[in-house]
N, C-alpha and C. Protein backbone atom coordinates (compact mmCIF):
# COMPACT_ATOMS: atom_id res chain seq x y z
N MET A 1 -33.11 33.22 -16.62
CA MET A 1 -34.24 33.98 -17.12
C MET A 1 -35.52 33.65 -16.36
N ILE A 2 -35.75 32.35 -16.16
CA ILE A 2 -36.96 31.96 -15.43
C ILE A 2 -36.91 32.49 -14.00
N ARG A 3 -35.72 32.43 -13.41
CA ARG A 3 -35.58 32.86 -12.03
C ARG A 3 -35.93 34.34 -11.88
N ARG A 4 -35.64 35.11 -12.91
CA ARG A 4 -35.92 36.53 -12.83
C ARG A 4 -37.43 36.81 -12.76
N HIS A 5 -38.23 35.89 -13.29
CA HIS A 5 -39.68 36.08 -13.31
C HIS A 5 -40.38 35.56 -12.04
N LEU A 6 -39.68 34.75 -11.29
CA LEU A 6 -40.27 34.23 -10.07
C LEU A 6 -40.29 35.31 -9.00
N PRO A 7 -41.36 35.39 -8.25
CA PRO A 7 -41.39 36.34 -7.14
C PRO A 7 -40.33 36.02 -6.12
N ARG A 8 -39.86 37.05 -5.44
CA ARG A 8 -38.81 36.85 -4.46
C ARG A 8 -39.22 35.98 -3.29
N PHE A 9 -40.47 35.90 -3.01
CA PHE A 9 -40.93 35.15 -1.85
C PHE A 9 -41.24 33.68 -2.15
N LEU A 10 -41.15 33.26 -3.38
CA LEU A 10 -41.46 31.88 -3.73
C LEU A 10 -40.58 30.85 -2.99
N PRO A 11 -39.27 31.08 -2.85
CA PRO A 11 -38.49 30.12 -2.08
C PRO A 11 -38.97 30.00 -0.61
N HIS A 12 -39.43 31.08 -0.05
CA HIS A 12 -39.93 31.01 1.31
C HIS A 12 -41.22 30.19 1.39
N ILE A 13 -42.07 30.37 0.40
CA ILE A 13 -43.31 29.58 0.35
C ILE A 13 -43.01 28.11 0.21
N LEU A 14 -42.11 27.77 -0.69
CA LEU A 14 -41.74 26.37 -0.90
C LEU A 14 -41.12 25.77 0.35
N ALA A 15 -40.28 26.55 1.06
CA ALA A 15 -39.70 26.05 2.29
C ALA A 15 -40.77 25.83 3.36
N SER A 16 -41.76 26.72 3.42
CA SER A 16 -42.85 26.56 4.39
C SER A 16 -43.67 25.36 4.08
N VAL A 17 -43.98 25.15 2.83
CA VAL A 17 -44.75 23.95 2.44
C VAL A 17 -44.00 22.68 2.77
N PHE A 18 -42.72 22.66 2.47
CA PHE A 18 -41.91 21.46 2.78
C PHE A 18 -41.86 21.21 4.27
N LEU A 19 -41.64 22.25 5.05
CA LEU A 19 -41.58 22.11 6.50
C LEU A 19 -42.91 21.62 7.07
N SER A 20 -44.03 22.13 6.56
CA SER A 20 -45.35 21.69 7.00
C SER A 20 -45.55 20.22 6.71
N ALA A 21 -45.12 19.78 5.53
CA ALA A 21 -45.27 18.38 5.15
C ALA A 21 -44.46 17.49 6.06
N VAL A 22 -43.23 17.90 6.41
CA VAL A 22 -42.40 17.11 7.32
C VAL A 22 -43.04 17.03 8.70
N ILE A 23 -43.55 18.12 9.20
CA ILE A 23 -44.19 18.14 10.51
C ILE A 23 -45.40 17.23 10.52
N CYS A 24 -46.24 17.32 9.47
CA CYS A 24 -47.44 16.45 9.42
C CYS A 24 -47.05 14.98 9.36
N ALA A 25 -46.01 14.68 8.61
CA ALA A 25 -45.56 13.28 8.51
C ALA A 25 -45.04 12.76 9.84
N ALA A 26 -44.47 13.63 10.64
CA ALA A 26 -43.89 13.23 11.91
C ALA A 26 -44.91 13.09 13.01
N CYS A 27 -46.11 13.68 12.82
CA CYS A 27 -47.16 13.61 13.83
C CYS A 27 -47.63 12.16 13.99
N SER A 28 -48.07 11.88 15.20
CA SER A 28 -48.63 10.53 15.46
C SER A 28 -49.92 10.36 14.71
N TYR A 29 -50.15 9.17 14.22
CA TYR A 29 -51.35 8.85 13.47
C TYR A 29 -52.07 7.77 14.22
N ARG A 30 -53.34 7.98 14.51
CA ARG A 30 -54.13 7.01 15.26
C ARG A 30 -54.99 6.24 14.25
N SER A 31 -54.68 5.00 14.09
CA SER A 31 -55.41 4.15 13.16
C SER A 31 -56.24 3.16 13.93
N ASP A 32 -57.49 3.02 13.56
CA ASP A 32 -58.38 2.09 14.24
C ASP A 32 -57.99 0.65 13.92
N LEU A 33 -57.91 -0.17 14.94
CA LEU A 33 -57.69 -1.61 14.73
C LEU A 33 -59.01 -2.26 14.34
N PHE A 34 -60.11 -1.76 14.93
CA PHE A 34 -61.43 -2.33 14.69
C PHE A 34 -62.46 -1.24 14.83
N HIS A 35 -63.40 -1.18 13.90
CA HIS A 35 -64.49 -0.19 13.96
C HIS A 35 -65.67 -0.81 13.20
N GLU A 36 -66.73 -1.15 13.96
CA GLU A 36 -67.84 -1.84 13.35
C GLU A 36 -69.13 -1.43 14.04
N PHE A 37 -70.22 -1.37 13.25
CA PHE A 37 -71.54 -1.04 13.78
C PHE A 37 -72.51 -2.19 13.53
N ASN A 38 -73.46 -2.36 14.43
CA ASN A 38 -74.61 -3.24 14.24
C ASN A 38 -75.88 -2.41 14.22
N ASP A 39 -76.78 -2.74 13.31
CA ASP A 39 -78.05 -2.04 13.26
C ASP A 39 -78.99 -2.63 14.31
N ILE A 40 -79.76 -1.74 14.91
CA ILE A 40 -80.79 -2.14 15.88
C ILE A 40 -82.13 -2.18 15.14
N PRO A 41 -82.95 -3.19 15.37
CA PRO A 41 -84.24 -3.26 14.67
C PRO A 41 -85.09 -2.02 14.90
N ALA A 42 -85.83 -1.62 13.87
CA ALA A 42 -86.68 -0.44 13.99
C ALA A 42 -87.76 -0.55 15.05
N ARG A 43 -88.18 -1.78 15.35
CA ARG A 43 -89.21 -1.97 16.38
C ARG A 43 -88.70 -1.75 17.78
N GLY A 44 -87.37 -1.65 17.94
CA GLY A 44 -86.80 -1.38 19.26
C GLY A 44 -85.71 -2.38 19.63
N TRP A 45 -84.98 -2.04 20.68
CA TRP A 45 -83.87 -2.88 21.16
C TRP A 45 -84.36 -3.62 22.36
N ASP A 46 -84.55 -4.90 22.20
CA ASP A 46 -84.94 -5.80 23.29
C ASP A 46 -83.69 -6.11 24.12
N LYS A 47 -83.85 -6.09 25.45
CA LYS A 47 -82.67 -6.31 26.30
C LYS A 47 -82.11 -7.71 26.14
N ARG A 48 -82.88 -8.62 25.56
CA ARG A 48 -82.32 -9.98 25.28
C ARG A 48 -81.55 -10.02 23.95
N ASN A 49 -81.64 -8.94 23.18
CA ASN A 49 -80.93 -8.86 21.88
C ASN A 49 -79.53 -8.32 22.12
N ILE A 50 -78.60 -9.23 22.41
CA ILE A 50 -77.23 -8.86 22.73
C ILE A 50 -76.46 -8.60 21.43
N GLN A 51 -75.83 -7.43 21.38
CA GLN A 51 -75.05 -7.07 20.18
C GLN A 51 -73.63 -7.60 20.37
N LYS A 52 -73.12 -8.33 19.40
CA LYS A 52 -71.78 -8.93 19.53
C LYS A 52 -70.85 -8.41 18.46
N PHE A 53 -69.60 -8.25 18.87
CA PHE A 53 -68.53 -7.78 17.98
C PHE A 53 -67.34 -8.71 18.18
N PHE A 54 -66.61 -8.98 17.10
CA PHE A 54 -65.53 -9.96 17.15
C PHE A 54 -64.24 -9.39 16.55
N PRO A 55 -63.53 -8.53 17.29
CA PRO A 55 -62.27 -7.98 16.78
C PRO A 55 -61.15 -9.03 16.90
N TYR A 56 -60.23 -8.99 15.93
CA TYR A 56 -59.05 -9.84 16.01
C TYR A 56 -57.90 -8.98 16.56
N ILE A 57 -57.30 -9.47 17.62
CA ILE A 57 -56.17 -8.79 18.24
C ILE A 57 -54.90 -9.52 17.90
N ASP A 58 -53.98 -8.82 17.20
CA ASP A 58 -52.74 -9.50 16.77
C ASP A 58 -51.52 -9.07 17.56
N SER A 59 -51.62 -8.00 18.32
CA SER A 59 -50.46 -7.50 19.06
C SER A 59 -50.79 -7.44 20.55
N THR A 60 -50.01 -8.15 21.35
CA THR A 60 -50.28 -8.20 22.79
C THR A 60 -49.45 -7.18 23.56
N ASP A 61 -48.50 -6.51 22.92
CA ASP A 61 -47.65 -5.57 23.63
C ASP A 61 -48.13 -4.12 23.45
N VAL A 62 -49.29 -3.94 22.83
CA VAL A 62 -49.83 -2.61 22.59
C VAL A 62 -51.02 -2.38 23.52
N ALA A 63 -51.14 -1.17 24.05
CA ALA A 63 -52.31 -0.79 24.86
C ALA A 63 -53.36 -0.21 23.91
N TYR A 64 -54.64 -0.52 24.21
CA TYR A 64 -55.73 -0.09 23.34
C TYR A 64 -56.75 0.74 24.11
N ASP A 65 -57.43 1.61 23.36
CA ASP A 65 -58.59 2.30 23.83
C ASP A 65 -59.82 1.66 23.19
N ILE A 66 -60.83 1.36 24.00
CA ILE A 66 -62.07 0.78 23.49
C ILE A 66 -63.20 1.80 23.72
N ASP A 67 -63.92 2.11 22.67
CA ASP A 67 -65.06 3.02 22.74
C ASP A 67 -66.31 2.32 22.26
N VAL A 68 -67.44 2.74 22.79
CA VAL A 68 -68.76 2.32 22.33
C VAL A 68 -69.37 3.53 21.64
N GLU A 69 -69.92 3.30 20.46
CA GLU A 69 -70.56 4.41 19.72
C GLU A 69 -72.04 4.12 19.54
N LEU A 70 -72.80 5.20 19.62
CA LEU A 70 -74.27 5.06 19.46
C LEU A 70 -74.78 6.03 18.41
N ASN A 71 -75.71 5.54 17.60
CA ASN A 71 -76.55 6.39 16.75
C ASN A 71 -77.96 6.30 17.32
N TYR A 72 -78.56 7.45 17.56
CA TYR A 72 -79.88 7.43 18.15
C TYR A 72 -80.73 8.57 17.58
N GLY A 73 -82.03 8.37 17.64
CA GLY A 73 -82.96 9.36 17.11
C GLY A 73 -83.57 10.19 18.20
N ASN A 74 -84.20 11.30 17.80
CA ASN A 74 -84.84 12.16 18.78
C ASN A 74 -86.13 11.56 19.33
N ASN A 75 -86.48 10.33 18.89
CA ASN A 75 -87.63 9.63 19.45
C ASN A 75 -87.21 8.74 20.65
N TYR A 76 -85.93 8.75 21.00
CA TYR A 76 -85.49 8.02 22.17
C TYR A 76 -86.09 8.71 23.40
N GLY A 77 -86.66 7.95 24.32
CA GLY A 77 -87.47 8.51 25.40
C GLY A 77 -86.76 8.85 26.69
N TYR A 78 -85.43 8.75 26.72
CA TYR A 78 -84.74 8.98 27.99
C TYR A 78 -83.54 9.88 27.75
N ARG A 79 -82.99 10.38 28.85
CA ARG A 79 -81.81 11.23 28.81
C ARG A 79 -80.52 10.43 28.73
N ASN A 80 -80.56 9.21 29.21
CA ASN A 80 -79.36 8.37 29.24
C ASN A 80 -79.70 6.97 28.77
N LEU A 81 -78.66 6.16 28.63
CA LEU A 81 -78.82 4.76 28.26
C LEU A 81 -77.80 3.96 29.02
N TYR A 82 -78.25 2.97 29.76
CA TYR A 82 -77.32 2.07 30.46
C TYR A 82 -76.99 0.90 29.54
N LEU A 83 -75.72 0.61 29.42
CA LEU A 83 -75.25 -0.53 28.62
C LEU A 83 -74.46 -1.49 29.49
N PHE A 84 -74.69 -2.78 29.30
CA PHE A 84 -73.86 -3.82 29.90
C PHE A 84 -72.85 -4.28 28.86
N VAL A 85 -71.58 -4.10 29.16
CA VAL A 85 -70.53 -4.43 28.22
C VAL A 85 -69.64 -5.53 28.80
N THR A 86 -69.39 -6.58 28.01
CA THR A 86 -68.53 -7.68 28.42
C THR A 86 -67.48 -7.93 27.34
N VAL A 87 -66.23 -8.07 27.79
CA VAL A 87 -65.14 -8.39 26.87
C VAL A 87 -64.59 -9.75 27.25
N GLU A 88 -64.54 -10.66 26.28
CA GLU A 88 -63.96 -11.98 26.47
C GLU A 88 -62.76 -12.18 25.56
N ASN A 89 -61.75 -12.85 26.08
CA ASN A 89 -60.57 -13.12 25.28
C ASN A 89 -60.83 -14.28 24.29
N ALA A 90 -59.80 -14.70 23.58
CA ALA A 90 -59.95 -15.75 22.57
C ALA A 90 -60.37 -17.09 23.19
N ASP A 91 -60.06 -17.28 24.46
CA ASP A 91 -60.45 -18.53 25.17
C ASP A 91 -61.83 -18.42 25.82
N ARG A 92 -62.55 -17.32 25.56
CA ARG A 92 -63.87 -17.02 26.08
C ARG A 92 -63.88 -16.81 27.59
N GLU A 93 -62.76 -16.37 28.12
CA GLU A 93 -62.68 -15.95 29.53
C GLU A 93 -63.04 -14.47 29.60
N VAL A 94 -63.89 -14.11 30.58
CA VAL A 94 -64.28 -12.73 30.75
C VAL A 94 -63.09 -11.96 31.32
N ILE A 95 -62.68 -10.92 30.60
CA ILE A 95 -61.59 -10.06 31.11
C ILE A 95 -62.09 -8.70 31.55
N ALA A 96 -63.31 -8.34 31.19
CA ALA A 96 -63.91 -7.08 31.65
C ALA A 96 -65.40 -7.19 31.53
N ARG A 97 -66.09 -6.70 32.56
CA ARG A 97 -67.56 -6.62 32.54
C ARG A 97 -67.94 -5.37 33.31
N ASP A 98 -68.64 -4.47 32.64
CA ASP A 98 -68.99 -3.19 33.25
C ASP A 98 -70.35 -2.73 32.81
N THR A 99 -70.88 -1.76 33.59
CA THR A 99 -72.05 -1.03 33.19
C THR A 99 -71.61 0.37 32.75
N LEU A 100 -72.03 0.76 31.58
CA LEU A 100 -71.65 2.06 31.01
C LEU A 100 -72.91 2.94 30.96
N ASN A 101 -72.84 4.11 31.61
CA ASN A 101 -73.95 5.07 31.60
C ASN A 101 -73.67 6.10 30.50
N CYS A 102 -74.43 6.05 29.46
CA CYS A 102 -74.26 6.94 28.30
C CYS A 102 -75.26 8.09 28.43
N ILE A 103 -74.76 9.31 28.58
CA ILE A 103 -75.61 10.50 28.68
C ILE A 103 -75.87 11.00 27.24
N LEU A 104 -77.14 10.96 26.83
CA LEU A 104 -77.50 11.33 25.47
C LEU A 104 -78.10 12.73 25.34
N ALA A 105 -78.61 13.27 26.44
CA ALA A 105 -79.18 14.61 26.40
C ALA A 105 -78.84 15.35 27.68
N ASP A 106 -78.83 16.68 27.60
CA ASP A 106 -78.53 17.47 28.81
C ASP A 106 -79.78 17.57 29.67
N GLU A 107 -79.67 18.30 30.78
CA GLU A 107 -80.79 18.38 31.73
C GLU A 107 -82.01 19.12 31.16
N PHE A 108 -81.80 19.83 30.05
CA PHE A 108 -82.93 20.56 29.41
C PHE A 108 -83.51 19.76 28.23
N GLY A 109 -82.99 18.57 27.98
CA GLY A 109 -83.49 17.74 26.89
C GLY A 109 -82.84 17.96 25.56
N LYS A 110 -81.78 18.78 25.51
CA LYS A 110 -81.07 19.01 24.28
C LYS A 110 -80.14 17.81 23.99
N TRP A 111 -80.30 17.25 22.80
CA TRP A 111 -79.49 16.06 22.46
C TRP A 111 -78.03 16.44 22.36
N LEU A 112 -77.18 15.60 22.86
CA LEU A 112 -75.75 15.80 22.81
C LEU A 112 -75.19 14.98 21.63
N GLY A 113 -73.94 15.20 21.29
CA GLY A 113 -73.31 14.46 20.23
C GLY A 113 -73.40 15.17 18.89
N ASP A 114 -72.92 14.51 17.86
CA ASP A 114 -72.92 15.06 16.53
C ASP A 114 -74.18 14.61 15.80
N GLY A 115 -74.64 15.46 14.93
CA GLY A 115 -75.79 15.09 14.11
C GLY A 115 -76.63 16.29 13.80
N TRP A 116 -77.64 16.03 13.00
CA TRP A 116 -78.58 17.09 12.62
C TRP A 116 -79.91 16.43 12.33
N GLY A 117 -80.95 17.26 12.35
CA GLY A 117 -82.26 16.68 12.13
C GLY A 117 -82.67 15.83 13.31
N SER A 118 -83.02 14.58 12.99
CA SER A 118 -83.52 13.70 14.03
C SER A 118 -82.57 12.58 14.43
N SER A 119 -81.34 12.62 13.91
CA SER A 119 -80.38 11.53 14.17
C SER A 119 -79.08 12.08 14.74
N PHE A 120 -78.55 11.41 15.77
CA PHE A 120 -77.36 11.87 16.45
C PHE A 120 -76.41 10.72 16.68
N GLN A 121 -75.12 11.03 16.83
CA GLN A 121 -74.11 10.04 17.10
C GLN A 121 -73.18 10.53 18.18
N GLN A 122 -72.80 9.58 19.05
CA GLN A 122 -71.87 9.90 20.13
C GLN A 122 -70.93 8.75 20.38
N ARG A 123 -69.73 9.06 20.80
CA ARG A 123 -68.75 8.01 21.20
C ARG A 123 -68.53 8.12 22.71
N PHE A 124 -68.52 6.96 23.36
CA PHE A 124 -68.36 6.89 24.82
C PHE A 124 -67.13 6.07 25.15
N PRO A 125 -66.22 6.62 25.91
CA PRO A 125 -65.04 5.83 26.32
C PRO A 125 -65.45 4.66 27.18
N TYR A 126 -64.91 3.49 26.88
CA TYR A 126 -65.19 2.31 27.68
C TYR A 126 -63.94 1.89 28.47
N LYS A 127 -62.88 1.56 27.79
CA LYS A 127 -61.63 1.18 28.44
C LYS A 127 -60.50 2.03 27.85
N ARG A 128 -59.62 2.49 28.68
CA ARG A 128 -58.47 3.29 28.23
C ARG A 128 -57.20 2.56 28.60
N GLY A 129 -56.30 2.41 27.61
CA GLY A 129 -54.99 1.86 27.86
C GLY A 129 -55.02 0.39 28.30
N ILE A 130 -56.00 -0.38 27.83
CA ILE A 130 -56.09 -1.78 28.22
C ILE A 130 -55.16 -2.63 27.37
N LYS A 131 -54.43 -3.51 28.02
CA LYS A 131 -53.56 -4.47 27.30
C LYS A 131 -54.29 -5.78 27.22
N LEU A 132 -54.43 -6.27 26.01
CA LEU A 132 -55.09 -7.55 25.78
C LEU A 132 -54.00 -8.58 25.65
N GLY A 133 -53.95 -9.51 26.59
CA GLY A 133 -52.81 -10.39 26.76
C GLY A 133 -52.67 -11.54 25.80
N GLU A 134 -53.62 -11.77 24.91
CA GLU A 134 -53.51 -12.91 24.00
C GLU A 134 -53.90 -12.46 22.58
N GLN A 135 -53.26 -13.13 21.63
CA GLN A 135 -53.65 -12.95 20.23
C GLN A 135 -54.91 -13.77 20.00
N GLY A 136 -55.72 -13.33 19.07
CA GLY A 136 -56.88 -14.10 18.69
C GLY A 136 -58.13 -13.25 18.54
N THR A 137 -59.24 -13.91 18.31
CA THR A 137 -60.51 -13.22 18.13
C THR A 137 -61.19 -13.05 19.49
N TYR A 138 -61.37 -11.81 19.86
CA TYR A 138 -62.04 -11.46 21.10
C TYR A 138 -63.54 -11.31 20.84
N SER A 139 -64.33 -11.28 21.90
CA SER A 139 -65.76 -11.06 21.80
C SER A 139 -66.11 -9.90 22.69
N ILE A 140 -66.82 -8.93 22.13
CA ILE A 140 -67.33 -7.81 22.93
C ILE A 140 -68.86 -7.85 22.77
N SER A 141 -69.55 -7.99 23.89
CA SER A 141 -71.00 -8.06 23.94
C SER A 141 -71.58 -6.82 24.58
N VAL A 142 -72.62 -6.28 23.96
CA VAL A 142 -73.26 -5.08 24.48
C VAL A 142 -74.75 -5.30 24.50
N SER A 143 -75.36 -5.08 25.69
CA SER A 143 -76.83 -5.18 25.78
C SER A 143 -77.32 -3.94 26.52
N GLN A 144 -78.56 -3.60 26.25
CA GLN A 144 -79.14 -2.43 26.90
C GLN A 144 -79.57 -2.84 28.31
N GLY A 145 -79.35 -1.93 29.27
CA GLY A 145 -79.66 -2.23 30.66
C GLY A 145 -80.72 -1.33 31.26
N MET A 146 -81.65 -0.88 30.42
CA MET A 146 -82.72 -0.03 30.92
C MET A 146 -83.80 -0.88 31.60
N ARG A 147 -84.67 -0.26 32.37
CA ARG A 147 -85.75 -0.99 33.07
C ARG A 147 -86.77 -1.55 32.09
N LYS A 148 -86.97 -0.85 31.02
CA LYS A 148 -87.94 -1.27 30.00
C LYS A 148 -87.30 -2.37 29.13
N ASP A 149 -88.08 -3.42 28.86
CA ASP A 149 -87.52 -4.54 28.08
C ASP A 149 -87.16 -4.16 26.66
N ILE A 150 -87.97 -3.35 26.00
CA ILE A 150 -87.72 -2.93 24.63
C ILE A 150 -87.69 -1.40 24.62
N ILE A 151 -86.60 -0.84 24.11
CA ILE A 151 -86.51 0.62 24.02
C ILE A 151 -86.45 1.00 22.54
N GLU A 152 -87.06 2.11 22.23
CA GLU A 152 -87.08 2.64 20.85
C GLU A 152 -86.17 3.83 20.76
N GLY A 153 -85.67 4.06 19.55
CA GLY A 153 -84.87 5.27 19.28
C GLY A 153 -83.40 5.04 19.16
N ILE A 154 -82.89 3.87 19.57
CA ILE A 154 -81.49 3.53 19.35
C ILE A 154 -81.41 2.91 17.96
N GLU A 155 -80.61 3.48 17.06
CA GLU A 155 -80.57 3.04 15.69
C GLU A 155 -79.42 2.08 15.38
N ARG A 156 -78.24 2.38 15.91
CA ARG A 156 -77.07 1.55 15.68
C ARG A 156 -76.17 1.63 16.88
N ILE A 157 -75.41 0.58 17.08
CA ILE A 157 -74.39 0.55 18.13
C ILE A 157 -73.10 0.05 17.54
N GLY A 158 -71.99 0.66 17.93
CA GLY A 158 -70.71 0.30 17.39
C GLY A 158 -69.63 0.17 18.45
N VAL A 159 -68.55 -0.46 18.05
CA VAL A 159 -67.35 -0.60 18.90
C VAL A 159 -66.15 -0.15 18.07
N ARG A 160 -65.31 0.65 18.70
CA ARG A 160 -64.08 1.11 18.08
C ARG A 160 -62.92 0.75 18.99
N ILE A 161 -61.90 0.13 18.42
CA ILE A 161 -60.68 -0.21 19.18
C ILE A 161 -59.52 0.44 18.46
N SER A 162 -58.75 1.25 19.19
CA SER A 162 -57.62 1.95 18.61
C SER A 162 -56.41 1.79 19.51
N PRO A 163 -55.22 1.64 18.90
CA PRO A 163 -54.04 1.61 19.73
C PRO A 163 -53.80 2.98 20.40
N VAL A 164 -53.31 2.95 21.61
CA VAL A 164 -53.02 4.17 22.34
C VAL A 164 -51.83 4.85 21.67
N VAL A 165 -51.98 6.14 21.40
CA VAL A 165 -50.90 6.92 20.79
C VAL A 165 -50.08 7.56 21.88
N THR A 166 -48.79 7.27 21.89
CA THR A 166 -47.90 7.90 22.85
C THR A 166 -47.13 9.00 22.14
N GLU A 167 -47.02 10.13 22.79
CA GLU A 167 -46.34 11.27 22.16
C GLU A 167 -45.00 11.51 22.77
C-alpha cells in the first residue's frame, strides 16, 4: 500500500543519492597537519621581529606542501612583500632557506586575494612535495625582507602544512 503512494522515480533518486555519497567518500581528503597564524603588531612589522612557527612532524614517509598565508590591509604601501623563510629540523639544522616574493596587488593597484572592505588574505606556495626526514618539532621562521625597517599594513602571517594528496 505504501509503495503504491511513492512516486515512480523515488528509487532512482535514492540510488543517485547513495552513489553520490559513495563517490564523495572515495574522494581524496586533504587535511592540514599544521595551520597557525601570528598577529603582527598594529604599529608595524619590524624586520627584526621574526615570526616563528613550531609544527610537529610525525611521519617521515609523507611528502608535504608548505604555504605561507598573509592577512593585509589596504593601507599596505607596496605591491609586493619579500619574506625570508627558514625551515629547521628537530636538531635545529637548516633544511631550507629562501626568499619568497608575495605579490599582493596587480599593476593597477587592485588588491589580490580573498577579502572585502579593507582586509585581504592570500596563500603563497612555499615548498611543494617536500619530505621532512625526521620526526619531531620543526621550526619555521618568517621575517619581512623589505628595504624599510618597519612596514605597516600586514596584519597576520600564517603557515599551513598539508600532506600531498596523490590521486
